[in-house]
Amino acid sequence: MARAYSADLRRRVVDAAMGGLSARQAAERFDVGTATAIVWVRRFREGGELVARRQGKPRGLRLDPHADYSYGSGGRGDPPIPSL
């Protein structure tokens, strides 16, 4: 997975956009993707956010997909007993 852009680069792109350039022009000047710069500027305008967000899928527990089977929530309420 690719690494996040540095906070310094984010700050420079947002500062350029706040200083009069469009987000597209700032993206071209600093050689980042247009959509990336637009998102950075929008997040900054909406709430002052400049930090990178976590990348990837949130981790869950390994047994989450099997919770219904493991805990017997198939109507009985008791965990299943293995057959002998």
N, C-alpha and C. Protein backbone atom coordinates (compact mmCIF):
# COMPACT_ATOMS: atom_id res chain seq x y z
N MET A 1 0.85 -1.16 0.00
CA MET A 1 0.00 0.00 0.00
C MET A 1 0.90 1.24 0.00
N ALA A 2 0.49 2.24 -0.73
CA ALA A 2 1.26 3.46 -0.82
C ALA A 2 1.20 4.24 0.50
N ARG A 3 2.24 4.99 0.74
CA ARG A 3 2.27 5.80 1.96
C ARG A 3 1.49 7.09 1.75
N ALA A 4 1.04 7.68 2.85
CA ALA A 4 0.31 8.95 2.80
C ALA A 4 1.28 10.09 2.46
N TYR A 5 0.75 11.11 1.82
CA TYR A 5 1.55 12.30 1.55
C TYR A 5 1.92 12.97 2.88
N SER A 6 3.03 13.70 2.89
CA SER A 6 3.49 14.33 4.11
C SER A 6 2.56 15.47 4.52
N ALA A 7 2.57 15.77 5.80
CA ALA A 7 1.76 16.87 6.33
C ALA A 7 2.23 18.20 5.75
N ASP A 8 3.54 18.32 5.49
CA ASP A 8 4.08 19.54 4.91
C ASP A 8 3.52 19.79 3.51
N LEU A 9 3.46 18.75 2.69
CA LEU A 9 2.92 18.89 1.34
C LEU A 9 1.43 19.23 1.39
N ARG A 10 0.71 18.58 2.28
CA ARG A 10 -0.72 18.89 2.44
C ARG A 10 -0.91 20.36 2.80
N ARG A 11 -0.10 20.82 3.74
CA ARG A 11 -0.20 22.22 4.19
C ARG A 11 0.09 23.17 3.04
N ARG A 12 1.12 22.89 2.24
CA ARG A 12 1.47 23.77 1.13
C ARG A 12 0.38 23.81 0.07
N VAL A 13 -0.22 22.66 -0.23
CA VAL A 13 -1.30 22.63 -1.22
C VAL A 13 -2.50 23.42 -0.72
N VAL A 14 -2.89 23.21 0.53
CA VAL A 14 -4.04 23.91 1.10
C VAL A 14 -3.76 25.41 1.20
N ASP A 15 -2.56 25.78 1.63
CA ASP A 15 -2.21 27.20 1.72
C ASP A 15 -2.27 27.88 0.35
N ALA A 16 -1.81 27.18 -0.69
CA ALA A 16 -1.86 27.75 -2.03
C ALA A 16 -3.31 27.94 -2.47
N ALA A 17 -4.16 26.96 -2.17
CA ALA A 17 -5.57 27.07 -2.54
C ALA A 17 -6.27 28.16 -1.74
N MET A 18 -5.91 28.32 -0.49
CA MET A 18 -6.51 29.38 0.32
C MET A 18 -5.96 30.75 -0.06
N GLY A 19 -4.79 30.76 -0.67
CA GLY A 19 -4.16 32.01 -1.06
C GLY A 19 -4.57 32.54 -2.42
N GLY A 20 -5.51 31.86 -3.08
CA GLY A 20 -5.99 32.39 -4.33
C GLY A 20 -5.99 31.42 -5.50
N LEU A 21 -5.20 30.38 -5.44
CA LEU A 21 -5.21 29.39 -6.51
C LEU A 21 -6.42 28.47 -6.33
N SER A 22 -6.87 27.89 -7.43
CA SER A 22 -7.90 26.86 -7.31
C SER A 22 -7.22 25.58 -6.83
N ALA A 23 -8.02 24.65 -6.35
CA ALA A 23 -7.46 23.37 -5.90
C ALA A 23 -6.78 22.65 -7.07
N ARG A 24 -7.33 22.78 -8.25
CA ARG A 24 -6.74 22.15 -9.44
C ARG A 24 -5.39 22.77 -9.78
N GLN A 25 -5.29 24.09 -9.69
CA GLN A 25 -4.01 24.75 -9.96
C GLN A 25 -2.97 24.38 -8.91
N ALA A 26 -3.40 24.32 -7.65
CA ALA A 26 -2.48 23.92 -6.58
C ALA A 26 -2.01 22.49 -6.78
N ALA A 27 -2.89 21.61 -7.23
CA ALA A 27 -2.53 20.22 -7.48
C ALA A 27 -1.47 20.14 -8.58
N GLU A 28 -1.66 20.92 -9.62
CA GLU A 28 -0.69 20.92 -10.72
C GLU A 28 0.65 21.48 -10.27
N ARG A 29 0.62 22.54 -9.48
CA ARG A 29 1.86 23.16 -9.01
C ARG A 29 2.68 22.20 -8.15
N PHE A 30 2.02 21.45 -7.29
CA PHE A 30 2.73 20.57 -6.35
C PHE A 30 2.76 19.11 -6.80
N ASP A 31 2.30 18.86 -8.02
CA ASP A 31 2.37 17.53 -8.63
C ASP A 31 1.68 16.45 -7.78
N VAL A 32 0.45 16.75 -7.38
CA VAL A 32 -0.40 15.76 -6.72
C VAL A 32 -1.67 15.62 -7.56
N GLY A 33 -2.43 14.59 -7.31
CA GLY A 33 -3.65 14.36 -8.06
C GLY A 33 -4.68 15.46 -7.82
N THR A 34 -5.43 15.77 -8.87
CA THR A 34 -6.45 16.81 -8.77
C THR A 34 -7.49 16.45 -7.72
N ALA A 35 -7.99 15.22 -7.76
CA ALA A 35 -9.01 14.80 -6.79
C ALA A 35 -8.46 14.84 -5.36
N THR A 36 -7.19 14.51 -5.20
CA THR A 36 -6.55 14.54 -3.88
C THR A 36 -6.55 15.95 -3.34
N ALA A 37 -6.13 16.90 -4.15
CA ALA A 37 -6.08 18.30 -3.71
C ALA A 37 -7.47 18.83 -3.40
N ILE A 38 -8.44 18.47 -4.22
CA ILE A 38 -9.81 18.93 -3.98
C ILE A 38 -10.32 18.41 -2.64
N VAL A 39 -10.04 17.15 -2.34
CA VAL A 39 -10.48 16.57 -1.06
C VAL A 39 -9.78 17.26 0.10
N TRP A 40 -8.47 17.48 -0.02
CA TRP A 40 -7.73 18.17 1.07
C TRP A 40 -8.31 19.54 1.33
N VAL A 41 -8.57 20.30 0.28
CA VAL A 41 -9.09 21.66 0.44
C VAL A 41 -10.49 21.62 1.04
N ARG A 42 -11.32 20.69 0.57
CA ARG A 42 -12.68 20.58 1.09
C ARG A 42 -12.67 20.23 2.58
N ARG A 43 -11.84 19.26 2.97
CA ARG A 43 -11.75 18.88 4.39
C ARG A 43 -11.25 20.03 5.24
N PHE A 44 -10.31 20.80 4.70
CA PHE A 44 -9.79 21.93 5.46
C PHE A 44 -10.87 23.00 5.64
N ARG A 45 -11.61 23.27 4.57
CA ARG A 45 -12.67 24.29 4.66
C ARG A 45 -13.79 23.87 5.60
N GLU A 46 -14.11 22.57 5.60
CA GLU A 46 -15.21 22.09 6.43
C GLU A 46 -14.86 21.98 7.91
N GLY A 47 -13.61 21.66 8.22
CA GLY A 47 -13.30 21.46 9.63
C GLY A 47 -11.86 21.67 10.01
N GLY A 48 -11.04 22.19 9.12
CA GLY A 48 -9.65 22.45 9.45
C GLY A 48 -8.78 21.21 9.48
N GLU A 49 -9.25 20.11 8.89
CA GLU A 49 -8.51 18.84 8.95
C GLU A 49 -7.40 18.81 7.91
N LEU A 50 -6.18 18.52 8.38
CA LEU A 50 -5.04 18.38 7.48
C LEU A 50 -4.30 17.06 7.65
N VAL A 51 -4.61 16.31 8.68
CA VAL A 51 -3.87 15.08 8.94
C VAL A 51 -4.38 13.96 8.04
N ALA A 52 -3.51 13.02 7.76
CA ALA A 52 -3.89 11.87 6.93
C ALA A 52 -4.79 10.94 7.74
N ARG A 53 -5.78 10.41 7.08
CA ARG A 53 -6.65 9.43 7.73
C ARG A 53 -6.04 8.04 7.60
N ARG A 54 -6.48 7.13 8.43
CA ARG A 54 -6.00 5.75 8.35
C ARG A 54 -6.36 5.16 7.00
N GLN A 55 -5.47 4.35 6.47
CA GLN A 55 -5.71 3.71 5.19
C GLN A 55 -6.11 2.27 5.39
N GLY A 56 -6.88 1.75 4.49
CA GLY A 56 -7.23 0.34 4.52
C GLY A 56 -8.54 0.06 5.22
N LYS A 57 -8.84 -1.22 5.26
CA LYS A 57 -10.07 -1.70 5.85
C LYS A 57 -9.93 -1.79 7.37
N PRO A 58 -10.96 -1.36 8.12
CA PRO A 58 -10.88 -1.49 9.58
C PRO A 58 -10.79 -2.96 9.98
N ARG A 59 -9.95 -3.22 10.96
CA ARG A 59 -9.79 -4.60 11.41
C ARG A 59 -10.95 -5.02 12.29
N GLY A 60 -11.41 -6.20 12.09
CA GLY A 60 -12.45 -6.78 12.93
C GLY A 60 -11.89 -8.02 13.59
N LEU A 61 -12.70 -8.66 14.37
CA LEU A 61 -12.28 -9.91 14.99
C LEU A 61 -12.37 -11.03 13.96
N ARG A 62 -11.51 -12.03 14.09
CA ARG A 62 -11.51 -13.13 13.14
C ARG A 62 -12.81 -13.92 13.15
N LEU A 63 -13.44 -14.00 14.30
CA LEU A 63 -14.64 -14.82 14.41
C LEU A 63 -15.93 -14.05 14.16
N ASP A 64 -15.85 -12.77 13.84
CA ASP A 64 -17.07 -11.99 13.58
C ASP A 64 -17.96 -12.63 12.52
N PRO A 65 -17.43 -13.12 11.40
CA PRO A 65 -18.32 -13.72 10.41
C PRO A 65 -19.00 -14.99 10.91
N HIS A 66 -18.47 -15.62 11.96
CA HIS A 66 -19.01 -16.86 12.47
C HIS A 66 -19.76 -16.68 13.79
N ALA A 67 -20.05 -15.46 14.16
CA ALA A 67 -20.66 -15.18 15.46
C ALA A 67 -22.01 -15.87 15.61
N ASP A 68 -22.84 -15.89 14.56
CA ASP A 68 -24.15 -16.53 14.66
C ASP A 68 -24.02 -18.02 14.97
N TYR A 69 -23.10 -18.69 14.32
CA TYR A 69 -22.91 -20.11 14.54
C TYR A 69 -22.29 -20.37 15.91
N SER A 70 -21.26 -19.60 16.26
CA SER A 70 -20.52 -19.84 17.49
C SER A 70 -21.37 -19.64 18.73
N TYR A 71 -22.22 -18.65 18.71
CA TYR A 71 -23.00 -18.34 19.90
C TYR A 71 -24.43 -18.84 19.80
N GLY A 72 -24.73 -19.62 18.80
CA GLY A 72 -26.02 -20.27 18.70
C GLY A 72 -27.20 -19.33 18.63
N SER A 73 -27.08 -18.23 17.98
CA SER A 73 -28.20 -17.30 17.89
C SER A 73 -29.16 -17.73 16.79
N GLY A 74 -29.19 -19.01 16.51
CA GLY A 74 -30.12 -19.55 15.53
C GLY A 74 -31.50 -19.79 16.13
N GLY A 75 -31.82 -19.19 17.23
CA GLY A 75 -33.14 -19.28 17.82
C GLY A 75 -33.15 -19.97 19.19
N ARG A 76 -32.15 -20.83 19.47
CA ARG A 76 -32.17 -21.57 20.73
C ARG A 76 -31.54 -20.79 21.87
N GLY A 77 -30.55 -19.99 21.60
CA GLY A 77 -29.90 -19.24 22.65
C GLY A 77 -28.74 -19.97 23.30
N ASP A 78 -28.63 -21.27 23.10
CA ASP A 78 -27.53 -22.04 23.67
C ASP A 78 -26.46 -22.29 22.60
N PRO A 79 -25.19 -22.35 23.00
CA PRO A 79 -24.16 -22.65 22.01
C PRO A 79 -24.36 -24.07 21.50
N PRO A 80 -24.00 -24.33 20.23
CA PRO A 80 -24.21 -25.67 19.69
C PRO A 80 -23.32 -26.71 20.37
N ILE A 81 -23.83 -27.91 20.54
CA ILE A 81 -23.07 -29.01 21.12
C ILE A 81 -22.61 -29.90 19.97
N PRO A 82 -21.30 -30.19 19.91
CA PRO A 82 -20.83 -31.01 18.81
C PRO A 82 -21.39 -32.42 18.91
N SER A 83 -21.68 -32.99 17.75
CA SER A 83 -22.19 -34.38 17.70
C SER A 83 -21.05 -35.35 18.00
N LEU A 84 -21.38 -36.41 18.67
CA LEU A 84 -20.38 -37.44 18.96
C LEU A 84 -20.47 -38.58 18.00
